[in-house]
N, C-alpha and C. Protein backbone atom coordinates (compact mmCIF):
# COMPACT_ATOMS: atom_id res chain seq x y z
N MET A 1 0.66 -1.17 0.03
CA MET A 1 0.19 -0.12 0.27
C MET A 1 0.45 1.42 -0.04
N LYS A 2 1.97 1.53 0.41
CA LYS A 2 2.80 2.29 0.44
C LYS A 2 3.17 2.59 -0.73
N LYS A 3 3.89 1.80 -1.43
CA LYS A 3 4.26 2.11 -2.81
C LYS A 3 3.60 2.36 -3.56
N LEU A 4 1.97 2.29 -3.56
CA LEU A 4 1.05 3.24 -4.21
C LEU A 4 0.26 4.37 -3.74
N PHE A 5 0.37 4.49 -2.68
CA PHE A 5 -0.30 5.59 -2.00
C PHE A 5 1.01 6.19 -0.94
N ASN A 6 0.44 7.56 -0.93
CA ASN A 6 1.82 7.94 0.08
C ASN A 6 1.25 8.13 1.55
N ASP A 7 0.00 8.12 1.35
CA ASP A 7 -0.75 8.09 2.78
C ASP A 7 -2.06 6.89 3.12
N PRO A 8 -1.67 5.88 2.86
CA PRO A 8 -2.57 4.85 2.85
C PRO A 8 -3.59 4.55 4.09
N VAL A 9 -5.00 4.57 3.89
CA VAL A 9 -5.69 4.60 4.78
C VAL A 9 -6.61 3.35 4.78
N LEU A 10 -6.56 2.00 5.95
CA LEU A 10 -7.47 1.30 5.64
C LEU A 10 -8.55 1.27 6.17
N CYS A 11 -9.65 1.08 5.06
CA CYS A 11 -11.36 1.19 5.76
C CYS A 11 -11.92 0.01 6.42
N SER A 12 -11.48 -1.42 6.23
CA SER A 12 -12.08 -2.28 6.83
C SER A 12 -11.00 -3.73 6.79
N ILE A 13 -10.65 -4.43 7.86
CA ILE A 13 -10.18 -5.39 7.58
C ILE A 13 -10.79 -6.99 7.97
N THR A 14 -10.82 -8.12 7.71
CA THR A 14 -11.94 -9.11 7.71
C THR A 14 -10.45 -10.27 7.89
N ILE A 15 -10.51 -10.83 9.32
CA ILE A 15 -9.48 -11.58 9.70
C ILE A 15 -10.14 -12.98 10.02
N ASN A 16 -9.98 -13.95 9.47
CA ASN A 16 -10.18 -15.41 9.45
C ASN A 16 -9.41 -16.33 10.24
N SER A 17 -10.01 -17.11 11.61
CA SER A 17 -9.07 -18.01 11.91
C SER A 17 -9.93 -19.31 12.26
N GLN A 18 -9.19 -19.97 12.98
CA GLN A 18 -9.51 -21.68 13.28
C GLN A 18 -10.48 -21.25 14.14
N LYS A 19 -11.28 -22.06 14.50
CA LYS A 19 -12.49 -22.03 15.33
C LYS A 19 -11.80 -22.20 16.89
N ASP A 20 -11.06 -23.03 16.88
CA ASP A 20 -10.39 -23.28 18.25
C ASP A 20 -9.71 -22.14 18.53
N LYS A 21 -9.16 -20.97 17.84
CA LYS A 21 -8.26 -20.04 18.00
C LYS A 21 -9.27 -18.52 18.17
N GLU A 22 -10.38 -18.50 17.89
CA GLU A 22 -11.11 -17.22 17.52
C GLU A 22 -10.88 -16.11 19.15
N ALA A 23 -11.17 -16.99 20.03
CA ALA A 23 -10.93 -16.17 21.10
C ALA A 23 -9.54 -15.79 21.48
N ASP A 24 -8.98 -16.50 21.32
CA ASP A 24 -7.36 -16.04 21.49
C ASP A 24 -7.15 -14.66 20.48
N VAL A 25 -7.22 -14.88 19.06
CA VAL A 25 -7.13 -13.71 18.06
C VAL A 25 -8.05 -12.70 18.92
N LEU A 26 -9.36 -12.86 18.87
CA LEU A 26 -10.28 -11.47 19.71
C LEU A 26 -9.31 -10.96 20.73
N LYS A 27 -8.97 -11.63 21.55
CA LYS A 27 -8.03 -11.13 23.25
C LYS A 27 -7.16 -10.14 22.77
N GLN A 28 -6.06 -10.98 21.27
CA GLN A 28 -4.96 -9.99 21.37
C GLN A 28 -5.71 -8.74 20.35
N LEU A 29 -6.35 -8.74 19.62
CA LEU A 29 -6.71 -7.79 18.87
C LEU A 29 -7.21 -6.72 19.75
N LYS A 30 -7.94 -7.11 20.45
CA LYS A 30 -8.39 -6.12 21.65
C LYS A 30 -7.61 -5.35 22.25
N GLU A 31 -6.73 -6.31 22.75
CA GLU A 31 -5.28 -5.59 23.54
C GLU A 31 -4.49 -4.52 22.82
N MET A 32 -4.45 -4.96 21.27
CA MET A 32 -3.66 -3.92 20.23
C MET A 32 -4.30 -2.62 20.07
N THR A 33 -5.60 -2.83 20.21
CA THR A 33 -6.52 -1.36 19.55
C THR A 33 -6.89 -1.12 20.71
N ALA A 34 -6.72 -1.30 22.12
CA ALA A 34 -7.15 -0.71 23.27
C ALA A 34 -6.89 0.45 23.45
N ASN A 35 -6.18 1.49 23.27
CA ASN A 35 -5.72 2.56 23.23
C ASN A 35 -6.34 3.78 21.79
N ASP A 36 -6.81 3.00 20.68
CA ASP A 36 -7.05 3.54 19.86
C ASP A 36 -8.70 4.04 19.46
N ASN A 37 -9.23 5.03 19.59
CA ASN A 37 -10.66 5.34 19.85
C ASN A 37 -11.74 5.20 18.53
N GLU A 38 -10.49 5.52 17.36
CA GLU A 38 -10.95 5.17 15.69
C GLU A 38 -11.36 3.60 15.42
N ILE A 39 -10.97 2.90 15.82
CA ILE A 39 -10.95 1.56 15.45
C ILE A 39 -12.10 0.64 16.08
N SER A 40 -13.20 0.55 15.10
CA SER A 40 -14.46 -0.25 15.66
C SER A 40 -13.98 -1.85 15.02
N MET A 41 -14.74 -2.28 15.93
CA MET A 41 -14.29 -4.30 15.59
C MET A 41 -15.81 -4.80 15.84
N ASP A 42 -16.10 -5.63 15.03
CA ASP A 42 -17.20 -6.38 15.11
C ASP A 42 -16.83 -7.96 15.11
N SER A 43 -17.12 -8.60 16.36
CA SER A 43 -16.61 -10.14 16.67
C SER A 43 -17.50 -11.06 16.22
N ARG A 44 -17.59 -11.70 15.48
CA ARG A 44 -18.33 -12.83 15.53
C ARG A 44 -18.57 -13.60 16.62
N LEU A 45 -17.79 -13.68 17.32
CA LEU A 45 -18.01 -14.40 19.03
C LEU A 45 -18.56 -13.43 19.80
N GLU A 46 -18.41 -11.83 19.40
CA GLU A 46 -19.21 -11.54 20.55
C GLU A 46 -20.75 -11.36 19.93
N THR A 47 -20.98 -11.45 18.82
CA THR A 47 -22.34 -11.19 18.01
C THR A 47 -23.13 -12.55 18.37
N LEU A 48 -22.70 -13.78 18.68
CA LEU A 48 -22.94 -15.11 18.60
C LEU A 48 -23.63 -15.13 20.04
N GLU A 49 -22.61 -14.39 21.39
CA GLU A 49 -23.12 -14.36 22.81
C GLU A 49 -24.15 -13.41 22.84
N GLN A 50 -23.89 -12.39 21.66
CA GLN A 50 -25.49 -11.22 22.09
C GLN A 50 -26.92 -12.28 21.56
N PHE A 51 -26.47 -12.70 20.51
CA PHE A 51 -27.81 -13.56 20.41
C PHE A 51 -28.09 -14.97 20.97
N ARG A 52 -27.07 -15.47 21.67
CA ARG A 52 -27.29 -16.62 22.63
C ARG A 52 -28.09 -15.84 23.55
N SER A 53 -27.93 -14.69 24.43
CA SER A 53 -28.47 -14.06 25.47
C SER A 53 -29.96 -13.44 24.81
N SER A 54 -30.22 -13.08 23.87
CA SER A 54 -31.26 -12.99 23.60
C SER A 54 -32.20 -14.27 22.97
N LYS A 55 -31.52 -15.47 23.06
CA LYS A 55 -32.71 -16.39 22.56
C LYS A 55 -33.61 -16.92 23.31
N THR A 56 -33.41 -16.48 24.61
CA THR A 56 -34.06 -16.93 25.42
C THR A 56 -35.63 -16.22 25.93
N MET A 57 -35.31 -15.01 25.40
CA MET A 57 -36.25 -13.95 25.14
C MET A 57 -37.15 -14.38 24.19
N LEU A 58 -36.25 -14.66 23.00
CA LEU A 58 -37.23 -14.87 21.71
C LEU A 58 -37.55 -16.21 21.80
N TYR A 59 -37.39 -17.34 22.30
CA TYR A 59 -38.17 -19.05 23.02
C TYR A 59 -39.39 -18.46 23.25
N ILE A 60 -39.16 -17.49 24.53
CA ILE A 60 -40.44 -17.31 25.44
C ILE A 60 -41.79 -16.73 24.54
N LEU A 61 -41.02 -15.46 23.95
CA LEU A 61 -41.92 -15.20 23.00
C LEU A 61 -42.32 -15.44 22.07
N GLY A 62 -41.67 -16.44 21.44
CA GLY A 62 -42.19 -17.09 20.32
C GLY A 62 -43.08 -18.19 20.65
N GLY A 63 -42.99 -18.80 21.95
CA GLY A 63 -43.61 -19.64 22.33
C GLY A 63 -45.18 -19.80 22.39
N GLY A 64 -44.90 -18.64 23.70
CA GLY A 64 -46.28 -17.86 23.94
C GLY A 64 -47.24 -17.46 22.61
N LEU A 65 -46.55 -16.98 21.71
CA LEU A 65 -47.36 -16.78 20.71
C LEU A 65 -47.88 -17.61 19.69
N SER A 66 -46.78 -18.91 19.61
CA SER A 66 -47.62 -20.40 19.04
C SER A 66 -48.43 -20.96 20.16
N LEU A 67 -48.23 -20.97 21.40
CA LEU A 67 -49.06 -21.60 22.02
C LEU A 67 -50.87 -20.64 21.65
N ILE A 68 -50.51 -19.08 22.03
CA ILE A 68 -52.10 -18.71 21.64
C ILE A 68 -52.71 -19.29 20.47
N LEU A 69 -51.71 -18.91 19.32
CA LEU A 69 -52.15 -18.89 18.08
C LEU A 69 -52.77 -20.76 17.95
N ALA A 70 -51.95 -22.04 18.56
CA ALA A 70 -52.58 -23.29 18.82
C ALA A 70 -53.64 -23.64 19.59
N LEU A 71 -53.87 -22.83 20.76
CA LEU A 71 -55.41 -22.72 21.31
C LEU A 71 -56.47 -22.25 20.43
N ILE A 72 -56.27 -21.03 19.78
CA ILE A 72 -57.40 -20.36 19.14
C ILE A 72 -57.67 -21.46 17.79
N GLY A 73 -56.45 -22.25 17.27
CA GLY A 73 -56.85 -23.19 16.27
C GLY A 73 -57.58 -24.42 16.76
N ILE A 74 -57.06 -24.94 18.02
CA ILE A 74 -57.97 -25.66 18.75
C ILE A 74 -59.26 -25.62 19.01
N LEU A 75 -59.53 -24.50 19.72
CA LEU A 75 -61.05 -24.11 19.59
C LEU A 75 -62.04 -23.88 18.57
N ASN A 76 -61.16 -23.45 17.51
CA ASN A 76 -62.34 -23.16 16.42
C ASN A 76 -62.56 -24.44 15.75
N PHE A 77 -61.20 -25.46 15.62
CA PHE A 77 -62.01 -26.78 15.35
C PHE A 77 -62.58 -27.34 16.21
N VAL A 78 -62.53 -26.95 17.34
CA VAL A 78 -64.02 -27.83 18.11
C VAL A 78 -65.06 -27.18 17.82
N ASN A 79 -65.30 -25.61 17.82
CA ASN A 79 -66.43 -24.98 17.24
C ASN A 79 -66.94 -25.78 16.06
N VAL A 80 -66.28 -26.15 14.93
CA VAL A 80 -66.53 -26.14 13.90
C VAL A 80 -66.93 -28.00 13.72
N MET A 81 -66.52 -28.58 14.53
CA MET A 81 -66.86 -30.24 15.06
C MET A 81 -68.12 -30.13 15.26
N VAL A 82 -68.11 -29.35 16.83
CA VAL A 82 -69.56 -29.75 17.46
C VAL A 82 -70.60 -28.94 16.59
N THR A 83 -70.48 -27.89 15.94
CA THR A 83 -71.73 -27.45 14.93
C THR A 83 -71.97 -28.54 13.91
N GLY A 84 -70.93 -29.03 13.49
CA GLY A 84 -70.78 -29.76 12.84
C GLY A 84 -71.91 -31.31 12.76
N VAL A 85 -71.17 -31.51 14.13
CA VAL A 85 -72.24 -32.81 14.82
C VAL A 85 -73.68 -32.87 15.28
N ASN A 86 -73.92 -31.41 15.63
CA ASN A 86 -75.07 -31.06 15.88
C ASN A 86 -75.89 -30.77 14.27
N THR A 87 -75.38 -30.14 13.50
CA THR A 87 -76.60 -29.76 12.40
C THR A 87 -76.38 -31.28 11.90
N ARG A 88 -75.71 -32.26 12.34
CA ARG A 88 -75.98 -33.27 11.12
C ARG A 88 -77.08 -34.73 12.09
N ARG A 89 -77.39 -34.14 13.32
CA ARG A 89 -78.42 -34.98 14.31
C ARG A 89 -79.10 -36.11 13.70
N ARG A 90 -79.48 -35.35 12.64
CA ARG A 90 -80.87 -36.24 11.79
C ARG A 90 -80.40 -37.12 10.81
N GLU A 91 -79.14 -36.57 10.27
CA GLU A 91 -78.58 -37.86 9.57
C GLU A 91 -77.95 -38.87 10.78
N PHE A 92 -77.33 -38.35 11.28
CA PHE A 92 -76.68 -39.95 12.12
C PHE A 92 -78.27 -40.70 13.05
N ALA A 93 -79.43 -39.93 13.38
CA ALA A 93 -80.48 -40.78 13.80
C ALA A 93 -81.02 -41.61 12.61
N VAL A 94 -81.10 -41.01 11.19
CA VAL A 94 -81.36 -41.83 10.31
C VAL A 94 -80.64 -43.10 10.03
N LEU A 95 -79.24 -42.45 9.96
CA LEU A 95 -78.52 -43.93 9.96
C LEU A 95 -78.49 -45.29 11.35
N GLU A 96 -78.27 -44.60 12.16
CA GLU A 96 -78.56 -45.72 13.20
C GLU A 96 -80.21 -46.30 13.48
N SER A 97 -81.38 -45.25 13.03
CA SER A 97 -82.26 -46.23 12.78
C SER A 97 -82.20 -47.05 11.50
N ILE A 98 -81.38 -47.23 10.61
CA ILE A 98 -81.54 -48.35 9.72
C ILE A 98 -80.23 -49.05 9.87
N GLY A 99 -79.64 -49.53 11.02
CA GLY A 99 -78.59 -50.31 11.59
C GLY A 99 -77.31 -50.01 11.90
N MET A 100 -76.75 -48.53 11.68
CA MET A 100 -75.67 -48.23 11.77
C MET A 100 -75.23 -48.37 13.23
N THR A 101 -74.58 -49.14 13.81
CA THR A 101 -74.28 -48.70 15.52
C THR A 101 -73.58 -47.75 15.86
N PRO A 102 -73.82 -47.33 17.03
CA PRO A 102 -73.19 -46.35 17.67
C PRO A 102 -71.51 -46.29 17.78
N LYS A 103 -71.05 -47.68 17.68
CA LYS A 103 -69.73 -48.13 17.52
C LYS A 103 -69.08 -47.62 16.27
N GLN A 104 -70.02 -47.85 15.04
CA GLN A 104 -69.39 -47.70 13.73
C GLN A 104 -69.90 -46.05 13.76
N MET A 105 -70.71 -45.57 14.36
CA MET A 105 -70.86 -44.29 13.91
C MET A 105 -69.35 -43.47 14.61
N LYS A 106 -69.22 -43.51 16.11
CA LYS A 106 -68.18 -42.88 16.44
C LYS A 106 -66.64 -43.35 15.40
N ARG A 107 -66.65 -44.67 14.85
CA ARG A 107 -65.65 -45.09 14.07
C ARG A 107 -65.45 -43.74 12.69
N MET A 108 -66.71 -43.78 12.16
CA MET A 108 -66.63 -43.41 11.08
C MET A 108 -66.30 -41.61 11.78
N LEU A 109 -66.87 -40.90 12.51
CA LEU A 109 -66.66 -39.62 13.20
C LEU A 109 -64.86 -39.69 13.34
N ALA A 110 -64.47 -40.31 13.71
CA ALA A 110 -63.08 -40.73 14.38
C ALA A 110 -62.47 -40.67 13.01
N LEU A 111 -62.40 -41.29 11.57
CA LEU A 111 -61.94 -41.54 10.44
C LEU A 111 -62.13 -40.09 9.59
N GLU A 112 -63.14 -39.37 10.01
CA GLU A 112 -63.07 -38.12 9.64
C GLU A 112 -62.15 -37.01 10.34
N GLY A 113 -62.34 -37.16 11.09
CA GLY A 113 -61.14 -36.07 12.17
C GLY A 113 -59.61 -36.58 11.88
N LEU A 114 -59.38 -37.97 11.65
CA LEU A 114 -57.88 -38.51 10.85
C LEU A 114 -57.89 -37.74 9.34
N THR A 115 -58.72 -38.06 8.97
CA THR A 115 -58.71 -37.11 7.39
C THR A 115 -58.27 -35.37 7.62
N TYR A 116 -58.92 -34.77 8.18
CA TYR A 116 -58.78 -33.65 8.71
C TYR A 116 -57.11 -33.33 9.45
N ALA A 117 -56.80 -34.30 10.21
CA ALA A 117 -55.13 -34.50 10.85
C ALA A 117 -54.23 -34.67 10.00
N ILE A 118 -54.42 -35.49 8.92
CA ILE A 118 -53.59 -36.10 7.97
C ILE A 118 -53.41 -34.73 6.81
N ILE A 119 -54.49 -33.99 6.23
CA ILE A 119 -54.58 -32.64 5.97
C ILE A 119 -53.67 -31.81 6.45
N SER A 120 -53.90 -31.52 7.65
CA SER A 120 -53.79 -30.09 8.37
C SER A 120 -52.08 -30.58 8.49
N CYS A 121 -51.76 -31.71 8.72
CA CYS A 121 -50.02 -32.28 8.90
C CYS A 121 -49.35 -32.09 7.98
N GLY A 122 -50.08 -32.69 7.03
CA GLY A 122 -49.33 -33.16 5.31
C GLY A 122 -49.27 -31.39 5.16
N LEU A 123 -49.52 -30.68 5.36
CA LEU A 123 -49.41 -29.23 5.03
C LEU A 123 -48.37 -28.48 5.58
N VAL A 124 -48.59 -28.82 6.79
CA VAL A 124 -47.52 -28.24 7.60
C VAL A 124 -46.41 -29.01 7.56
N VAL A 125 -46.22 -30.37 7.24
CA VAL A 125 -44.92 -30.56 7.03
C VAL A 125 -43.80 -30.50 5.38
N THR A 126 -45.45 -30.04 4.45
CA THR A 126 -44.67 -29.56 2.98
C THR A 126 -44.62 -28.33 3.41
N LEU A 127 -45.63 -27.22 2.70
CA LEU A 127 -45.26 -26.29 2.96
C LEU A 127 -45.17 -25.24 3.95
N GLY A 128 -45.50 -25.90 4.98
CA GLY A 128 -44.53 -25.25 6.63
C GLY A 128 -43.20 -25.01 6.37
N VAL A 129 -42.57 -26.39 6.28
CA VAL A 129 -41.18 -26.50 6.23
C VAL A 129 -40.30 -25.66 5.19
N ALA A 130 -41.03 -25.89 4.06
CA ALA A 130 -40.48 -24.80 2.62
C ALA A 130 -40.58 -23.25 3.13
N ILE A 131 -41.53 -22.97 3.73
CA ILE A 131 -41.60 -21.17 4.25
C ILE A 131 -40.57 -21.01 5.25
N ASP A 132 -40.72 -22.56 6.02
CA ASP A 132 -39.63 -22.09 7.44
C ASP A 132 -38.05 -21.99 6.72
N ILE A 133 -37.91 -23.11 5.92
CA ILE A 133 -36.41 -22.71 5.48
C ILE A 133 -36.41 -21.44 3.95
N TRP A 134 -37.06 -20.97 3.61
CA TRP A 134 -37.23 -20.13 2.86
C TRP A 134 -36.96 -18.49 3.64
N ILE A 135 -37.92 -18.82 4.69
CA ILE A 135 -37.70 -17.33 5.67
C ILE A 135 -36.12 -17.39 6.31
N PHE A 136 -35.85 -18.59 6.65
CA PHE A 136 -34.29 -18.44 7.17
C PHE A 136 -33.24 -18.38 6.16
N SER A 137 -33.60 -18.65 4.79
CA SER A 137 -32.74 -18.28 4.08
C SER A 137 -32.29 -16.46 3.97
N LEU A 138 -33.85 -16.10 3.88
CA LEU A 138 -33.65 -14.44 3.97
C LEU A 138 -32.94 -14.09 5.03
N PHE A 139 -33.26 -14.98 6.41
CA PHE A 139 -32.71 -13.96 7.40
C PHE A 139 -31.15 -14.32 7.53
N LYS A 140 -30.73 -15.19 6.81
CA LYS A 140 -29.22 -15.62 7.31
C LYS A 140 -28.83 -14.42 6.05
N LYS A 141 -29.08 -13.75 5.06
CA LYS A 141 -28.53 -12.91 4.30
C LYS A 141 -28.06 -11.68 5.29
N GLN A 142 -29.01 -11.71 6.38
CA GLN A 142 -29.07 -10.56 7.55
C GLN A 142 -27.79 -11.25 8.52
N ALA A 143 -28.26 -11.98 8.85
CA ALA A 143 -27.03 -12.51 10.08
C ALA A 143 -26.34 -13.77 9.76
N ASP A 144 -25.36 -13.75 8.92
CA ASP A 144 -24.78 -15.03 8.66
C ASP A 144 -24.27 -15.85 9.83
N TYR A 145 -24.33 -15.50 10.98
CA TYR A 145 -23.71 -15.90 11.73
C TYR A 145 -24.58 -17.32 12.47
N ALA A 146 -26.09 -17.05 12.01
CA ALA A 146 -27.27 -17.76 12.30
C ALA A 146 -27.22 -19.25 11.94
N ILE A 147 -27.99 -20.09 12.29
CA ILE A 147 -27.61 -21.65 12.22
C ILE A 147 -29.18 -22.21 12.33
N PHE A 148 -29.61 -22.86 11.31
CA PHE A 148 -30.90 -23.32 11.18
C PHE A 148 -30.74 -24.77 11.76
N THR A 149 -31.84 -24.39 12.88
CA THR A 149 -32.01 -26.22 13.54
C THR A 149 -33.50 -26.45 13.26
N PHE A 150 -33.69 -27.66 12.38
CA PHE A 150 -35.32 -28.09 12.66
C PHE A 150 -35.84 -28.38 13.66
N PRO A 151 -37.03 -27.76 14.24
CA PRO A 151 -37.59 -28.14 15.02
C PRO A 151 -38.24 -29.28 15.22
N ALA A 152 -37.58 -30.55 15.09
CA ALA A 152 -38.29 -31.90 14.98
C ALA A 152 -39.13 -32.39 16.45
N ILE A 153 -38.59 -32.03 17.53
CA ILE A 153 -39.58 -31.93 18.80
C ILE A 153 -40.50 -31.55 18.75
N PRO A 154 -40.77 -29.97 18.59
CA PRO A 154 -42.00 -29.14 18.70
C PRO A 154 -42.86 -29.84 17.81
N LEU A 155 -42.23 -29.94 16.56
CA LEU A 155 -43.08 -30.31 15.24
C LEU A 155 -44.14 -31.86 15.53
N GLY A 156 -42.92 -32.59 16.05
CA GLY A 156 -43.50 -33.87 16.59
C GLY A 156 -44.93 -33.95 17.53
N LEU A 157 -44.33 -33.28 18.44
CA LEU A 157 -45.23 -33.04 19.57
C LEU A 157 -46.65 -32.40 19.33
N SER A 158 -46.26 -31.49 18.18
CA SER A 158 -47.65 -30.53 17.58
C SER A 158 -48.39 -31.44 16.39
N VAL A 159 -47.63 -32.53 15.81
CA VAL A 159 -48.53 -32.99 15.08
C VAL A 159 -49.35 -34.77 15.87
N VAL A 160 -48.59 -35.06 17.20
CA VAL A 160 -49.57 -35.68 18.19
C VAL A 160 -50.95 -35.30 18.42
N ILE A 161 -50.49 -33.66 19.24
CA ILE A 161 -51.70 -33.05 19.62
C ILE A 161 -52.50 -32.98 18.76
N ILE A 162 -52.21 -32.74 17.35
CA ILE A 162 -53.20 -32.64 16.08
C ILE A 162 -54.07 -34.01 15.97
N PHE A 163 -53.53 -34.84 15.85
CA PHE A 163 -54.02 -35.93 15.40
C PHE A 163 -54.93 -36.48 16.66
N ALA A 164 -54.29 -36.43 17.99
CA ALA A 164 -55.40 -36.59 19.02
C ALA A 164 -56.86 -35.49 19.27
N VAL A 165 -56.50 -34.45 18.90
CA VAL A 165 -58.00 -33.22 18.97
C VAL A 165 -58.32 -33.89 17.82
N CYS A 166 -57.95 -34.10 16.63
CA CYS A 166 -58.89 -34.13 15.60
C CYS A 166 -59.70 -35.60 15.51
N ILE A 167 -59.23 -36.57 16.34
CA ILE A 167 -59.99 -37.88 16.16
C ILE A 167 -60.75 -37.72 17.22
N LEU A 168 -60.68 -36.97 18.42
CA LEU A 168 -61.26 -37.42 20.12
C LEU A 168 -62.09 -36.29 19.66
N VAL A 169 -62.25 -35.26 19.15
CA VAL A 169 -63.17 -33.99 19.09
C VAL A 169 -64.38 -34.58 18.54
N PRO A 170 -64.33 -35.15 17.21
CA PRO A 170 -65.83 -35.16 16.79
C PRO A 170 -66.27 -36.48 17.14
N VAL A 171 -65.39 -37.43 18.26
CA VAL A 171 -66.38 -38.74 18.75
C VAL A 171 -66.94 -38.15 19.88
N ALA A 172 -66.49 -37.28 20.98
CA ALA A 172 -67.38 -36.54 21.86
C ALA A 172 -67.89 -35.92 21.69
N ALA A 173 -67.75 -35.28 20.69
CA ALA A 173 -69.59 -34.28 20.51
C ALA A 173 -70.48 -35.09 19.93
N TYR A 174 -70.02 -36.20 19.36
CA TYR A 174 -71.23 -36.98 18.79
C TYR A 174 -71.89 -37.69 20.39
N VAL A 175 -70.99 -38.11 21.10
CA VAL A 175 -71.59 -38.78 22.35
C VAL A 175 -72.09 -37.44 23.17
N THR A 176 -71.64 -36.65 23.09
CA THR A 176 -72.45 -35.52 24.26
C THR A 176 -73.85 -35.33 23.16
N THR A 177 -73.97 -35.10 21.98
CA THR A 177 -75.32 -34.82 21.73
C THR A 177 -76.36 -35.93 21.21
N THR A 178 -75.49 -37.09 21.17
CA THR A 178 -76.62 -38.19 20.86
C THR A 178 -77.26 -39.20 22.53
N LYS A 179 -77.56 -38.77 23.62
CA LYS A 179 -77.72 -39.02 24.64
C LYS A 179 -78.79 -39.99 24.57
N ASP A 180 -80.32 -39.33 23.86
CA ASP A 180 -81.62 -39.56 23.88
C ASP A 180 -81.36 -41.05 22.80
N THR A 181 -82.62 -41.35 22.92
CA THR A 181 -82.93 -42.44 22.02
C THR A 181 -82.88 -42.28 20.63
N VAL A 182 -82.83 -43.08 19.70
CA VAL A 182 -83.02 -42.62 18.26
C VAL A 182 -84.34 -42.04 17.50
N THR A 183 -85.41 -42.52 18.42
CA THR A 183 -86.55 -42.34 18.24
C THR A 183 -86.90 -40.89 18.75
N GLU A 184 -86.13 -40.74 19.97
CA GLU A 184 -86.55 -39.42 20.40
C GLU A 184 -85.64 -38.26 19.46
N ARG A 185 -84.60 -38.72 19.33
CA ARG A 185 -83.74 -37.95 18.13
C ARG A 185 -84.89 -37.22 17.11
N LEU A 186 -85.18 -38.58 16.25
CA LEU A 186 -85.77 -38.23 15.10
C LEU A 186 -86.81 -37.43 15.34
N ARG A 187 -87.63 -37.79 16.68
CA ARG A 187 -88.90 -36.74 17.06
C ARG A 187 -88.36 -35.06 17.04
N SER A 188 -87.39 -35.30 17.92
CA SER A 188 -86.94 -33.76 18.62
C SER A 188 -86.43 -32.76 16.66
N VAL A 189 -85.75 -33.54 16.08
CA VAL A 189 -85.41 -33.11 14.66
C VAL A 189 -86.21 -32.91 14.07
N GLU A 190 -87.46 -33.81 13.81
CA GLU A 190 -88.76 -33.91 12.80
C GLU A 190 -89.64 -32.57 13.71
N GLY A 191 -89.85 -32.59 14.96
CA GLY A 191 -90.77 -31.57 15.44
C GLY A 191 -90.62 -30.43 15.90
């Protein structure tokens, strides 16, 4: 630089080091530049440490928001299924009057709920994961130190909860709305 320019000025220096030597290199650089206020330093290690400290807050905030959205979704599904079973009471009473057993009715409703669970989990696993990876790729452009970890445990737990809710809610709605005999239910719907 001194051969090309009379008074060279460095604007930026990037230093790469081995992973196990990063802390030592950072310490030495800080010692060398401790008295110079004109030099600013951005360290990957310090940025990662700051990110780790805010990670817990992000988990709590994101987890709380996810829990609220999940509860809203579950309550919406329960409402839709209970309303659906109530509006189909006459259909169920007719089916039972021509020979369908309550056990077969519960199985039919459980399969209907299973279909909803398969569709929703299929969309989450395909489109949801694709959107997740896409959003991370956008985030990675801004924060190159970010690391993607697939949320396998929360996703697995969510899938189990979705299947349980989707199978049990229609059956429970049917059981609570069909406490009367078939003839009483047919009369109450007709009259």
